[in-house]
Protein backbone atom coordinates (compact mmCIF):
# COMPACT_ATOMS: atom_id res chain seq x y z
CA MET A 1 5.10 88.46 66.98
CA ARG A 2 7.34 90.96 65.37
CA GLY A 3 10.09 89.62 63.19
CA ALA A 4 8.95 86.25 63.70
CA ARG A 5 8.86 85.16 59.73
CA HIS A 6 12.53 87.12 59.11
CA PRO A 7 15.84 86.25 60.49
CA ALA A 8 17.47 89.03 62.10
CA PHE A 9 19.46 91.14 60.05
CA SER A 10 23.02 91.49 60.63
CA SER A 11 25.72 93.35 58.77
CA GLU A 12 29.24 92.10 58.19
CA LEU A 13 31.51 94.94 59.03
CA THR A 14 35.08 95.69 57.31
CA ALA A 15 38.32 96.17 59.40
CA SER A 16 38.06 99.67 58.42
CA GLN A 17 34.64 100.35 60.33
CA SER A 18 35.93 98.16 63.09
CA ALA A 19 39.04 100.20 63.79
CA TYR A 20 36.98 103.46 63.41
CA ARG A 21 34.63 101.86 66.08
CA ALA A 22 37.82 101.43 68.80
CA LEU A 23 38.52 105.14 68.44
CA SER A 24 38.05 107.65 70.83
CA ARG A 25 34.90 110.06 70.31
CA HIS A 26 37.43 113.08 69.42
CA ARG A 27 39.71 111.06 67.15
CA ARG A 28 36.40 110.15 65.15
CA SER A 29 35.11 113.34 64.65
CA ARG A 30 38.47 114.62 63.70
CA LEU A 31 38.48 112.09 60.88
CA ALA A 32 35.02 112.74 60.15
CA ARG A 33 35.81 116.10 59.54
CA ALA A 34 38.77 115.40 57.33
CA ALA A 35 36.19 113.02 55.30
CA ARG A 36 34.08 116.05 55.19
CA THR A 37 31.04 114.69 56.46
CA THR A 38 29.37 114.61 60.10
CA LEU A 39 29.95 112.65 63.18
CA LEU A 40 26.85 110.98 63.03
CA LYS A 41 27.13 109.72 59.49
CA ALA A 42 30.14 108.52 60.03
CA ASP A 43 29.59 106.48 63.11
CA GLN A 44 26.29 105.13 60.86
CA TRP A 45 29.05 104.02 58.28
CA ALA A 46 31.06 102.26 61.03
CA ARG A 47 27.72 100.37 62.28
CA GLY A 48 27.16 99.38 58.61
CA GLY A 49 24.66 101.66 57.69
CA PRO A 50 24.26 103.55 54.35
CA LEU A 51 26.84 106.51 53.30
CA ALA A 52 27.85 107.65 50.11
CA ALA A 53 30.35 106.44 48.39
CA GLU A 54 32.72 109.35 48.16
CA ALA A 55 32.22 109.93 52.00
CA ALA A 56 33.14 106.05 52.90
CA ALA A 57 36.39 106.12 50.63
CA ALA A 58 37.37 109.46 52.05
CA LEU A 59 36.77 107.84 55.57
CA GLU A 60 38.69 104.54 54.96
CA SER A 61 41.50 106.89 53.17
CA ALA A 62 41.49 109.13 56.60
CA LEU A 63 41.84 105.70 58.77
CA GLN A 64 44.79 104.54 56.39
CA ALA A 65 46.76 108.16 56.98
CA LEU A 66 45.94 107.16 60.74
CA ARG A 67 47.42 104.01 60.47
CA ALA A 68 50.47 105.36 58.33
CA ARG A 69 51.42 107.96 61.07
CA GLY A 70 51.91 104.96 63.63
CA ASN A 71 49.05 105.51 65.95
CA LYS A 72 48.79 102.25 67.65
CA THR A 73 45.02 102.36 68.52
CA ALA A 74 44.04 102.36 64.64
């Protein structure tokens, strides 16, 4: 039986990652472009996957800028 000896791995998401996942695909792609990364890598970051520190910081700053503009969905 696969995985019988190890507990399931679940990563804890930050508030920024949860907010990013709640956005539409169009908004996510615009934030990924602003962070100079691909939509695929940004979505992997939102699921708790590995991403370069510079790209993760850029995505978080792009989300903060979106919140500062007064967008209710972020």
